[in-house]
N, C-alpha and C. Protein backbone atom coordinates (compact mmCIF):
# COMPACT_ATOMS: atom_id res chain seq x y z
N UNK A 1 -23.32 59.23 -26.93
CA UNK A 1 -23.78 57.89 -27.29
C UNK A 1 -23.05 57.43 -28.55
N UNK A 2 -22.84 56.14 -28.65
CA UNK A 2 -22.12 55.57 -29.78
C UNK A 2 -22.96 55.64 -31.05
N UNK A 3 -22.28 55.79 -32.17
CA UNK A 3 -22.97 55.87 -33.47
C UNK A 3 -23.05 54.52 -34.17
N UNK A 4 -22.09 53.66 -33.92
CA UNK A 4 -22.05 52.36 -34.59
C UNK A 4 -22.91 51.37 -33.81
N UNK A 5 -23.62 50.53 -34.56
CA UNK A 5 -24.58 49.61 -33.95
C UNK A 5 -23.94 48.68 -32.93
N UNK A 6 -22.77 48.14 -33.23
CA UNK A 6 -22.10 47.23 -32.29
C UNK A 6 -21.67 47.97 -31.03
N UNK A 7 -21.27 49.24 -31.19
CA UNK A 7 -20.87 50.03 -30.02
C UNK A 7 -22.09 50.37 -29.16
N UNK A 8 -23.23 50.57 -29.79
CA UNK A 8 -24.47 50.83 -29.04
C UNK A 8 -24.84 49.60 -28.22
N UNK A 9 -24.70 48.43 -28.83
CA UNK A 9 -25.00 47.19 -28.12
C UNK A 9 -24.05 47.01 -26.94
N UNK A 10 -22.76 47.26 -27.15
CA UNK A 10 -21.80 47.12 -26.06
C UNK A 10 -22.11 48.08 -24.92
N UNK A 11 -22.56 49.29 -25.25
CA UNK A 11 -22.91 50.27 -24.23
C UNK A 11 -24.10 49.78 -23.40
N UNK A 12 -25.08 49.19 -24.07
CA UNK A 12 -26.24 48.63 -23.35
C UNK A 12 -25.81 47.49 -22.44
N UNK A 13 -24.95 46.61 -22.97
CA UNK A 13 -24.50 45.47 -22.18
C UNK A 13 -23.71 45.93 -20.96
N UNK A 14 -22.93 46.97 -21.12
CA UNK A 14 -22.15 47.51 -20.01
C UNK A 14 -23.06 48.00 -18.90
N UNK A 15 -24.13 48.67 -19.27
CA UNK A 15 -25.08 49.19 -18.27
C UNK A 15 -25.70 48.04 -17.48
N UNK A 16 -26.13 47.01 -18.19
CA UNK A 16 -26.76 45.85 -17.54
C UNK A 16 -25.76 45.14 -16.63
N UNK A 17 -24.54 44.95 -17.12
CA UNK A 17 -23.54 44.24 -16.32
C UNK A 17 -23.12 45.04 -15.10
N UNK A 18 -22.99 46.35 -15.27
CA UNK A 18 -22.63 47.19 -14.12
C UNK A 18 -23.70 47.12 -13.04
N UNK A 19 -24.97 47.14 -13.46
CA UNK A 19 -26.07 47.06 -12.49
C UNK A 19 -26.04 45.73 -11.75
N UNK A 20 -25.80 44.65 -12.50
CA UNK A 20 -25.76 43.32 -11.89
C UNK A 20 -24.57 43.21 -10.94
N UNK A 21 -23.40 43.68 -11.37
CA UNK A 21 -22.21 43.60 -10.52
C UNK A 21 -22.40 44.41 -9.24
N UNK A 22 -22.96 45.61 -9.35
CA UNK A 22 -23.17 46.44 -8.16
C UNK A 22 -24.13 45.76 -7.19
N UNK A 23 -25.18 45.16 -7.72
CA UNK A 23 -26.16 44.48 -6.88
C UNK A 23 -25.53 43.29 -6.17
N UNK A 24 -24.78 42.49 -6.91
CA UNK A 24 -24.16 41.31 -6.32
C UNK A 24 -23.08 41.69 -5.31
N UNK A 25 -22.31 42.72 -5.61
CA UNK A 25 -21.27 43.17 -4.67
C UNK A 25 -21.91 43.67 -3.38
N UNK A 26 -23.04 44.37 -3.51
CA UNK A 26 -23.76 44.86 -2.34
C UNK A 26 -24.29 43.70 -1.50
N UNK A 27 -24.85 42.68 -2.18
CA UNK A 27 -25.36 41.50 -1.47
C UNK A 27 -24.23 40.80 -0.72
N UNK A 28 -23.07 40.71 -1.35
CA UNK A 28 -21.92 40.07 -0.73
C UNK A 28 -21.46 40.84 0.51
N UNK A 29 -21.34 42.15 0.37
CA UNK A 29 -20.90 42.97 1.50
C UNK A 29 -21.90 42.89 2.66
N UNK A 30 -23.18 42.88 2.35
CA UNK A 30 -24.21 42.78 3.39
C UNK A 30 -24.08 41.46 4.14
N UNK A 31 -23.86 40.37 3.41
CA UNK A 31 -23.76 39.06 4.06
C UNK A 31 -22.53 39.00 4.97
N UNK A 32 -21.43 39.61 4.55
CA UNK A 32 -20.22 39.62 5.38
C UNK A 32 -20.46 40.50 6.61
N UNK A 33 -21.14 41.62 6.43
CA UNK A 33 -21.42 42.52 7.55
C UNK A 33 -22.32 41.84 8.60
N UNK A 34 -23.22 40.97 8.15
CA UNK A 34 -24.07 40.25 9.10
C UNK A 34 -23.23 39.34 9.99
N UNK A 35 -22.22 38.72 9.41
CA UNK A 35 -21.32 37.87 10.20
C UNK A 35 -20.55 38.74 11.21
N UNK A 36 -20.02 39.86 10.74
CA UNK A 36 -19.25 40.75 11.62
C UNK A 36 -20.12 41.31 12.75
N UNK A 37 -21.36 41.62 12.43
CA UNK A 37 -22.27 42.16 13.45
C UNK A 37 -22.54 41.11 14.53
N UNK A 38 -22.75 39.87 14.11
CA UNK A 38 -22.98 38.79 15.07
C UNK A 38 -21.73 38.54 15.91
N UNK A 39 -20.57 38.65 15.30
CA UNK A 39 -19.32 38.47 16.04
C UNK A 39 -19.14 39.56 17.09
N UNK A 40 -19.46 40.79 16.73
CA UNK A 40 -19.33 41.89 17.68
C UNK A 40 -20.32 41.75 18.83
N UNK A 41 -21.49 41.17 18.54
CA UNK A 41 -22.48 40.96 19.58
C UNK A 41 -22.10 39.78 20.48
N UNK A 42 -21.13 38.98 20.03
CA UNK A 42 -20.70 37.84 20.82
C UNK A 42 -21.57 36.61 20.64
N UNK A 43 -22.33 36.57 19.57
CA UNK A 43 -23.26 35.47 19.31
C UNK A 43 -22.64 34.51 18.28
N UNK A 44 -22.03 33.45 18.77
CA UNK A 44 -21.31 32.52 17.89
C UNK A 44 -22.26 31.75 16.99
N UNK A 45 -23.43 31.39 17.49
CA UNK A 45 -24.38 30.60 16.69
C UNK A 45 -24.89 31.40 15.50
N UNK A 46 -25.28 32.64 15.77
CA UNK A 46 -25.78 33.51 14.69
C UNK A 46 -24.66 33.81 13.70
N UNK A 47 -23.45 34.01 14.21
CA UNK A 47 -22.31 34.27 13.34
C UNK A 47 -22.03 33.07 12.44
N UNK A 48 -22.12 31.86 13.00
CA UNK A 48 -21.88 30.66 12.22
C UNK A 48 -22.95 30.49 11.14
N UNK A 49 -24.20 30.79 11.50
CA UNK A 49 -25.30 30.69 10.53
C UNK A 49 -25.13 31.72 9.41
N UNK A 50 -24.74 32.94 9.77
CA UNK A 50 -24.52 33.99 8.78
C UNK A 50 -23.32 33.65 7.90
N UNK A 51 -22.31 33.03 8.49
CA UNK A 51 -21.12 32.63 7.73
C UNK A 51 -21.47 31.53 6.73
N UNK A 52 -22.39 30.64 7.11
CA UNK A 52 -22.82 29.58 6.21
C UNK A 52 -23.52 30.15 4.99
N UNK A 53 -24.13 31.32 5.13
CA UNK A 53 -24.76 32.00 4.00
C UNK A 53 -23.71 32.77 3.19
N UNK A 54 -22.77 33.40 3.87
CA UNK A 54 -21.79 34.25 3.20
C UNK A 54 -20.73 33.44 2.44
N UNK A 55 -20.37 32.28 2.96
CA UNK A 55 -19.29 31.50 2.36
C UNK A 55 -19.58 31.10 0.90
N UNK A 56 -20.75 30.55 0.58
CA UNK A 56 -20.99 30.21 -0.83
C UNK A 56 -21.06 31.44 -1.73
N UNK A 57 -21.52 32.56 -1.18
CA UNK A 57 -21.54 33.79 -1.98
C UNK A 57 -20.12 34.23 -2.32
N UNK A 58 -19.23 34.17 -1.33
CA UNK A 58 -17.83 34.52 -1.59
C UNK A 58 -17.24 33.61 -2.67
N UNK A 59 -17.48 32.32 -2.56
CA UNK A 59 -16.96 31.38 -3.56
C UNK A 59 -17.55 31.64 -4.94
N UNK A 60 -18.85 31.84 -5.00
CA UNK A 60 -19.53 32.03 -6.27
C UNK A 60 -19.05 33.29 -6.98
N UNK A 61 -18.96 34.39 -6.24
CA UNK A 61 -18.58 35.65 -6.87
C UNK A 61 -17.09 35.69 -7.18
N UNK A 62 -16.29 34.92 -6.45
CA UNK A 62 -14.87 34.82 -6.79
C UNK A 62 -14.70 34.03 -8.08
N UNK A 63 -15.47 32.97 -8.24
CA UNK A 63 -15.35 32.17 -9.46
C UNK A 63 -15.85 32.93 -10.69
N UNK A 64 -16.77 33.86 -10.49
CA UNK A 64 -17.29 34.66 -11.59
C UNK A 64 -16.42 35.88 -11.87
N UNK A 65 -15.45 36.15 -11.00
CA UNK A 65 -14.57 37.27 -11.23
C UNK A 65 -15.06 38.59 -10.65
N UNK A 66 -16.10 38.55 -9.85
CA UNK A 66 -16.61 39.78 -9.24
C UNK A 66 -15.62 40.29 -8.19
N UNK A 67 -15.03 39.35 -7.44
CA UNK A 67 -13.95 39.68 -6.52
C UNK A 67 -12.82 38.70 -6.80
N UNK A 68 -11.62 39.04 -6.34
CA UNK A 68 -10.47 38.17 -6.57
C UNK A 68 -10.57 36.94 -5.67
N UNK A 69 -10.08 35.82 -6.17
CA UNK A 69 -10.19 34.57 -5.41
C UNK A 69 -9.42 34.64 -4.09
N UNK A 70 -8.31 35.38 -4.07
CA UNK A 70 -7.56 35.50 -2.83
C UNK A 70 -8.32 36.35 -1.80
N UNK A 71 -9.06 37.33 -2.28
CA UNK A 71 -9.86 38.15 -1.37
C UNK A 71 -10.95 37.29 -0.74
N UNK A 72 -11.58 36.44 -1.52
CA UNK A 72 -12.61 35.55 -0.99
C UNK A 72 -12.00 34.60 0.04
N UNK A 73 -10.84 34.05 -0.27
CA UNK A 73 -10.17 33.12 0.66
C UNK A 73 -9.79 33.84 1.95
N UNK A 74 -9.31 35.07 1.82
CA UNK A 74 -8.91 35.85 2.99
C UNK A 74 -10.11 36.12 3.90
N UNK A 75 -11.23 36.54 3.29
CA UNK A 75 -12.44 36.81 4.08
C UNK A 75 -12.92 35.55 4.79
N UNK A 76 -12.97 34.44 4.06
CA UNK A 76 -13.44 33.18 4.66
C UNK A 76 -12.54 32.77 5.81
N UNK A 77 -11.24 32.87 5.61
CA UNK A 77 -10.29 32.45 6.63
C UNK A 77 -10.41 33.30 7.89
N UNK A 78 -10.44 34.60 7.71
CA UNK A 78 -10.49 35.49 8.88
C UNK A 78 -11.81 35.38 9.63
N UNK A 79 -12.92 35.30 8.88
CA UNK A 79 -14.22 35.19 9.55
C UNK A 79 -14.33 33.86 10.30
N UNK A 80 -13.88 32.79 9.66
CA UNK A 80 -13.95 31.48 10.30
C UNK A 80 -13.07 31.43 11.56
N UNK A 81 -11.90 32.06 11.49
CA UNK A 81 -11.01 32.10 12.67
C UNK A 81 -11.67 32.85 13.81
N UNK A 82 -12.33 33.95 13.50
CA UNK A 82 -12.98 34.72 14.55
C UNK A 82 -14.17 33.96 15.16
N UNK A 83 -14.89 33.21 14.34
CA UNK A 83 -16.01 32.41 14.85
C UNK A 83 -15.49 31.31 15.76
N UNK A 84 -14.42 30.63 15.36
CA UNK A 84 -13.82 29.57 16.18
C UNK A 84 -13.30 30.12 17.49
N UNK A 85 -12.68 31.29 17.44
CA UNK A 85 -12.14 31.91 18.66
C UNK A 85 -13.27 32.28 19.61
N UNK A 86 -14.39 32.74 19.05
CA UNK A 86 -15.53 33.11 19.90
C UNK A 86 -16.16 31.87 20.54
N UNK A 87 -16.24 30.78 19.78
CA UNK A 87 -16.79 29.53 20.33
C UNK A 87 -15.88 28.97 21.41
N UNK A 88 -14.57 29.05 21.19
CA UNK A 88 -13.61 28.50 22.16
C UNK A 88 -13.53 29.35 23.42
N UNK A 89 -13.67 30.66 23.22
CA UNK A 89 -13.49 31.56 24.38
C UNK A 89 -14.74 31.81 25.09
């Protein structure tokens, strides 16, 4: 443990931030998995509804720096393409 007061505070802040980041990253992954699960089941409506929930999460966490903005864009693009292909086919 740190001996200096400012270092002790930084250590506490790191613990809190790590917990928050892990929770948010888990929530994001779960929302993306729900879209993928609906796509594998062949249910375009459920996939579209799940994507509508996942898309703002991807944007929000990319803007906060939890994930890279290009990763968020890539996920949105690929999921949306798969939903469109399922609706068309």
